[in-house]
Every structure is written in C-alpha cells, then in structure tokens.
C-alpha cells in the first residue's frame, strides 16, 4: 500500500485556501462541514471538547471528501502528538510557539529516530494502515505538515527564526491571543496588532513557508487574502450555528437581539 497523500500540504500552491473551525467534537457535524466546499477543516483539540477517539472519528468521517483535515493539539505534549499521528493525522497545528527551539522540538516529536523521537506503533496504528504502508518509518515525514502558531509578542519577535526552522511547513497567526497578550483584548484590528500580523506574514514568506490566520469577519479575511496569506479560516461551525439560529428565531420574535459578527472566536 502506498503512503497516503496529504491533501492539505499539496493544496498550498500559492492560491488562498479557505477553511472552517470544527468545534463540535463529533464526526457527524464535521462530516456535514466536509460537504460544504471548505478547502480545509480545523479539528480543534485545544478549545473544543475533543479527545483522541473523537478526533479519530472525525478524520474517518471526512476522509471521503475533498476538505483537508488539520488537527490542532491542546499543547506541545510529544506523547499526544505521537497519538494523533498514529491515528492518521497528517497535518498538525500546534498552539503557542514562541521560539525556534520550541519549534525544533515539535519537529522532532513528529519524526522517527535518528531525526526525532517519535515512538513506533507499527501495526497498531491507522497511520501505517495497520502495517500495510511500505517503508512507513522511512517515508512518513514526506506527507506530514507541521503548522506552528504564533500568538504572542515573543512569537512575533522570533517569527523569522521560527519560520526558518527545518521541518516547520507553515506558520499560523492567532490574532485573538496575540491581541489579548499585547493589551488590545478583543481588538485584533488595532494598528499595533495588524503590524505584528503583517511582520509575521512577511517573515514566514521570507523563509519560503506558508502563512495562515483566523478571520471569521469577511472584511478581515479579504484583507488578509490581499496581503497574501495562504490559508485563512473564515468560519467557526459553532458560531455559524449560533448566528443562524438567532437570525431564524428573530424573524418571529421581536425581542431577540440580532447576533454581532465576531472578529475571532
């Protein structure tokens, strides 16, 4: 059996790719999203109620569809990274990366020795198709994609070194945490934050890597696409349901306030 191809990695071809957060924690809901035309879906293991089994069910649910899955971890735990790779995740997003040293450690967690320290699961794992993939240990890295998140002033200050780290494929800006951390909570459009976002984008592209960002507000998403971001999350499934439900009931009940558009979560 051939090593499965990574559709997300292969989609980073210079055209902006639009994605959606998947936060319900169920394969059923994420499969619905996979039918709607988003280029990629972020299965969120940081803020959504996900576990390794629930992430597995979502990877299986979206496998027949063209929407490429990206899995976000809750932290830098190499044991969790190993589990997520073993269940077949090929694109990982890791939050709160502040230094090149952290980035290099994360790369090592995704690689087998001698290039890293990922443990060998062999025939127990979906990633190997239960030992059906030829030369998986030697070739697994060829179809992995590691996205690190820059979400702090320190991360922005180190963006050049983080992006240049060998084995890092993309950098994703977290505008909500970034704006909060630099004293502009709830306002990622503050000029200081916008300048930091742009610096990170330019540093990432200078290193020859892809850059992504979260932008649920249409005006923000269009601006970031114009700047040259390679992949943009333009929706969050929970927010989409919440807003649509309020808009629906407000047609029949005059005392329901209309929802406001969020600049982040």
Protein backbone atom coordinates (compact mmCIF):
# COMPACT_ATOMS: atom_id res chain seq x y z
CA UNK A 1 0.00 0.00 0.00
CA UNK A 2 1.26 3.47 -0.86
CA UNK A 3 1.78 6.16 1.76
CA UNK A 4 -1.45 8.23 1.87
CA UNK A 5 -1.04 11.67 0.33
CA UNK A 6 -1.58 14.78 2.43
CA UNK A 7 -4.23 16.89 0.66
CA UNK A 8 -3.63 19.96 2.81
CA UNK A 9 0.09 20.06 2.16
CA UNK A 10 -0.46 19.59 -1.55
CA UNK A 11 -3.05 22.39 -1.64
CA UNK A 12 -0.53 25.04 -0.59
CA UNK A 13 0.24 26.13 -4.13
CA UNK A 14 0.04 29.91 -3.89
CA UNK A 15 -3.75 30.16 -4.08
CA UNK A 16 -5.57 31.19 -0.92
CA UNK A 17 -7.30 28.23 0.72
CA UNK A 18 -10.36 28.87 2.88
CA UNK A 19 -11.16 26.78 5.92
CA UNK A 20 -13.53 26.38 8.84
CA UNK A 21 -13.06 25.52 12.52
CA UNK A 22 -14.71 22.25 13.54
CA UNK A 23 -15.54 22.59 17.21
CA UNK A 24 -18.49 20.32 17.93
CA UNK A 25 -16.30 17.31 18.61
CA UNK A 26 -18.35 14.84 16.59
CA UNK A 27 -17.77 13.08 13.31
CA UNK A 28 -21.36 13.75 12.27
CA UNK A 29 -21.05 17.54 12.46
CA UNK A 30 -17.58 17.60 10.90
CA UNK A 31 -18.75 15.41 8.03
CA UNK A 32 -21.51 17.93 7.31
CA UNK A 33 -18.87 20.66 7.09
CA UNK A 34 -16.82 18.50 4.73
CA UNK A 35 -19.68 18.54 2.20
CA UNK A 36 -19.97 22.33 2.00
CA UNK A 37 -16.92 23.34 -0.02
CA UNK A 38 -14.34 24.48 2.52
CA UNK A 39 -10.82 23.69 1.35
CA UNK A 40 -9.72 22.60 4.83
CA UNK A 41 -11.18 21.95 8.26
CA UNK A 42 -9.52 22.54 11.62
CA UNK A 43 -10.42 19.77 14.07
CA UNK A 44 -9.81 21.68 17.27
CA UNK A 45 -8.23 19.80 20.14
CA UNK A 46 -7.30 22.95 22.06
CA UNK A 47 -10.55 24.73 22.88
CA UNK A 48 -13.19 22.26 21.68
CA UNK A 49 -14.27 19.17 23.69
CA UNK A 50 -12.18 16.72 21.68
CA UNK A 51 -10.29 13.60 22.69
CA UNK A 52 -8.08 11.28 20.65
CA UNK A 53 -11.05 8.95 19.89
CA UNK A 54 -13.30 11.85 18.84
CA UNK A 55 -10.57 13.23 16.58
CA UNK A 56 -10.15 9.78 15.05
CA UNK A 57 -13.87 9.60 14.28
CA UNK A 58 -13.71 12.98 12.55
CA UNK A 59 -10.67 12.01 10.47
CA UNK A 60 -12.57 8.92 9.35
CA UNK A 61 -15.73 10.94 8.67
CA UNK A 62 -14.08 13.48 6.38
CA UNK A 63 -11.79 11.04 4.57
CA UNK A 64 -14.08 10.60 1.51
CA UNK A 65 -14.42 14.36 0.94
CA UNK A 66 -12.13 16.97 -0.63
CA UNK A 67 -11.92 19.13 2.53
CA UNK A 68 -8.46 18.52 4.01
CA UNK A 69 -8.33 17.88 7.77
CA UNK A 70 -5.96 19.78 10.07
CA UNK A 71 -5.74 18.71 13.71
CA UNK A 72 -4.88 21.20 16.44
CA UNK A 73 -3.32 19.91 19.65
CA UNK A 74 -4.01 21.28 23.11
CA UNK A 75 -0.31 21.82 23.87
CA UNK A 76 3.23 20.68 22.96
CA UNK A 77 2.97 17.24 24.58
CA UNK A 78 5.02 14.83 22.43
CA UNK A 79 3.01 11.85 23.68
CA UNK A 80 -0.20 13.43 22.39
CA UNK A 81 1.50 14.36 19.10
CA UNK A 82 2.51 10.71 18.74
CA UNK A 83 -1.06 9.54 19.35
CA UNK A 84 -2.51 11.99 16.83
CA UNK A 85 -0.02 10.96 14.16
CA UNK A 86 -0.70 7.30 14.91
CA UNK A 87 -4.46 7.71 14.32
CA UNK A 88 -3.70 9.15 10.90
CA UNK A 89 -3.46 12.91 11.32
CA UNK A 90 -1.02 14.18 8.71
CA UNK A 91 -1.33 17.93 9.31
CA UNK A 92 -0.89 19.19 12.86
CA UNK A 93 -1.33 22.72 14.19
CA UNK A 94 0.47 23.40 17.46
CA UNK A 95 -0.53 26.45 19.56
CA UNK A 96 1.62 28.97 21.42
CA UNK A 97 5.02 28.53 19.77
CA UNK A 98 7.30 31.33 20.95
CA UNK A 99 10.82 30.27 19.94
CA UNK A 100 12.73 28.39 17.28
CA UNK A 101 13.85 25.94 19.97
CA UNK A 102 10.24 25.06 20.73
CA UNK A 103 9.55 24.69 17.01
CA UNK A 104 12.54 22.37 16.55
CA UNK A 105 11.39 20.23 19.47
CA UNK A 106 7.96 19.91 17.88
CA UNK A 107 9.50 18.87 14.57
CA UNK A 108 11.48 16.19 16.41
CA UNK A 109 8.27 14.90 18.02
CA UNK A 110 6.89 14.17 14.55
CA UNK A 111 10.00 12.35 13.28
CA UNK A 112 11.28 8.86 13.91
CA UNK A 113 14.89 8.35 15.07
CA UNK A 114 17.53 9.37 14.15
CA UNK A 115 15.76 12.60 13.08
CA UNK A 116 13.47 12.79 16.10
CA UNK A 117 11.97 10.75 18.92
CA UNK A 118 8.51 9.67 17.74
CA UNK A 119 7.73 6.22 19.11
CA UNK A 120 6.98 3.33 16.75
CA UNK A 121 3.43 1.97 16.82
CA UNK A 122 3.77 -0.27 13.78
CA UNK A 123 0.81 -2.48 13.03
CA UNK A 124 -1.28 -0.99 15.84
CA UNK A 125 -1.74 2.29 14.02
CA UNK A 126 -4.11 3.66 11.41
CA UNK A 127 -1.26 5.82 10.08
CA UNK A 128 0.56 2.74 8.80
CA UNK A 129 -2.73 1.24 7.63
CA UNK A 130 -2.01 -1.47 10.14
CA UNK A 131 1.43 -2.18 8.70
CA UNK A 132 0.13 -2.03 5.14
CA UNK A 133 2.16 1.03 4.05
CA UNK A 134 5.55 0.11 2.66
CA UNK A 135 8.54 1.78 4.33
CA UNK A 136 6.33 3.91 6.55
CA UNK A 137 9.08 4.58 9.09
CA UNK A 138 11.39 5.94 6.41
CA UNK A 139 8.76 7.88 4.48
CA UNK A 140 6.15 9.13 6.98
CA UNK A 141 7.67 12.64 7.12
CA UNK A 142 7.18 13.08 3.37
CA UNK A 143 3.43 13.59 3.83
CA UNK A 144 3.39 15.34 7.19
CA UNK A 145 2.68 19.05 7.52
CA UNK A 146 3.57 20.90 10.72
CA UNK A 147 1.89 24.25 11.36
CA UNK A 148 3.08 26.26 14.35
CA UNK A 149 1.03 29.06 15.83
CA UNK A 150 2.49 32.48 16.61
CA UNK A 151 0.20 34.05 19.21
CA UNK A 152 2.36 36.29 21.41
CA UNK A 153 4.74 39.24 21.28
CA UNK A 154 7.63 36.84 21.88
CA UNK A 155 6.49 34.68 18.99
CA UNK A 156 6.31 37.68 16.68
CA UNK A 157 9.77 38.80 17.80
CA UNK A 158 11.07 35.34 16.92
CA UNK A 159 8.96 34.85 13.80
CA UNK A 160 11.94 34.82 11.43
CA UNK A 161 13.72 32.07 13.37
CA UNK A 162 10.54 30.06 13.95
CA UNK A 163 9.60 30.12 10.26
CA UNK A 164 13.14 29.19 9.22
CA UNK A 165 13.15 26.07 11.40
CA UNK A 166 13.66 22.99 9.25
CA UNK A 167 10.58 20.80 9.36
CA UNK A 168 8.15 23.66 10.03
CA UNK A 169 5.89 23.85 6.99
CA UNK A 170 3.65 26.78 7.91
CA UNK A 171 3.04 29.48 10.49
CA UNK A 172 -0.48 30.33 11.66
CA UNK A 173 -1.18 33.63 13.37
CA UNK A 174 -3.60 33.52 16.30
CA UNK A 175 -5.00 37.09 16.25
CA UNK A 176 -7.21 36.73 19.33
CA UNK A 177 -4.49 35.54 21.71
CA UNK A 178 -1.98 37.91 20.12
CA UNK A 179 -4.19 40.98 20.55
CA UNK A 180 -5.09 39.97 24.10
CA UNK A 181 -1.47 39.36 25.05
CA UNK A 182 -0.30 42.77 23.86
CA UNK A 183 -3.02 44.72 25.64
CA UNK A 184 -5.71 45.00 22.97
CA UNK A 185 -8.14 42.32 24.07
CA UNK A 186 -10.90 41.73 21.56
CA UNK A 187 -9.34 44.07 19.01
CA UNK A 188 -7.07 42.22 16.58
CA UNK A 189 -7.59 45.12 14.17
CA UNK A 190 -5.70 47.56 16.37
CA UNK A 191 -2.89 49.08 14.26
CA UNK A 192 -0.18 47.65 16.53
CA UNK A 193 -1.61 44.14 16.23
CA UNK A 194 -2.06 44.48 12.49
CA UNK A 195 1.60 45.47 12.17
CA UNK A 196 2.62 42.37 14.16
CA UNK A 197 0.46 40.15 11.98
CA UNK A 198 1.99 41.59 8.84
CA UNK A 199 5.51 41.18 10.18
CA UNK A 200 4.82 37.51 10.90
CA UNK A 201 3.40 37.00 7.42
CA UNK A 202 6.44 38.59 5.79
CA UNK A 203 8.88 36.62 7.94
CA UNK A 204 7.09 33.39 7.08
CA UNK A 205 7.12 34.04 3.35
CA UNK A 206 10.77 35.13 3.51
CA UNK A 207 11.53 31.66 4.86
CA UNK A 208 9.63 30.07 1.99
CA UNK A 209 6.85 28.79 4.22
CA UNK A 210 3.06 29.11 4.05
CA UNK A 211 1.18 31.51 6.34
CA UNK A 212 -2.32 31.15 7.77
CA UNK A 213 -4.68 33.10 10.01
CA UNK A 214 -8.13 33.03 11.61
CA UNK A 215 -10.52 35.66 10.22
CA UNK A 216 -14.26 34.98 10.67
CA UNK A 217 -15.15 38.56 9.69
CA UNK A 218 -15.36 38.88 5.91
CA UNK A 219 -13.57 42.22 5.70
CA UNK A 220 -10.64 40.82 7.66
CA UNK A 221 -10.46 37.67 5.56
CA UNK A 222 -10.46 39.62 2.32
CA UNK A 223 -7.73 41.95 3.60
CA UNK A 224 -5.55 39.04 4.70
CA UNK A 225 -6.06 37.31 1.35
CA UNK A 226 -4.96 40.52 -0.37
CA UNK A 227 -1.89 40.63 1.86
CA UNK A 228 -1.00 37.14 0.66
CA UNK A 229 -2.00 34.73 3.42
CA UNK A 230 -2.01 31.20 2.01
CA UNK A 231 -4.80 29.71 4.14
CA UNK A 232 -7.48 31.51 6.10
CA UNK A 233 -10.10 30.14 8.49
CA UNK A 234 -13.21 32.13 7.57
CA UNK A 235 -15.78 30.30 9.70
CA UNK A 236 -16.32 28.53 13.01
CA UNK A 237 -19.03 25.88 12.99
CA UNK A 238 -20.35 26.67 16.47
CA UNK A 239 -20.58 30.38 15.69
CA UNK A 240 -22.27 29.68 12.36
CA UNK A 241 -24.95 27.59 14.05
CA UNK A 242 -25.43 30.10 16.86
CA UNK A 243 -25.77 33.05 14.49
CA UNK A 244 -28.08 31.21 12.09
CA UNK A 245 -30.32 30.04 14.93
CA UNK A 246 -30.68 33.56 16.34
CA UNK A 247 -31.33 35.03 12.90
CA UNK A 248 -34.03 32.44 12.29
CA UNK A 249 -35.93 32.88 15.55
CA UNK A 250 -35.59 36.68 15.39
CA UNK A 251 -37.82 36.65 12.31
CA UNK A 252 -40.70 35.50 14.54
CA UNK A 253 -39.83 37.02 17.93
CA UNK A 254 -39.16 40.74 18.05
CA UNK A 255 -37.39 40.64 21.43
CA UNK A 256 -34.43 38.59 20.16
CA UNK A 257 -31.34 40.75 19.54
CA UNK A 258 -29.52 40.02 16.31
CA UNK A 259 -26.05 38.47 16.68
CA UNK A 260 -22.94 40.53 16.16
CA UNK A 261 -20.11 39.30 13.95
CA UNK A 262 -17.06 38.17 15.88
CA UNK A 263 -13.52 39.13 14.94
CA UNK A 264 -12.28 35.90 16.49
CA UNK A 265 -13.94 33.07 18.40
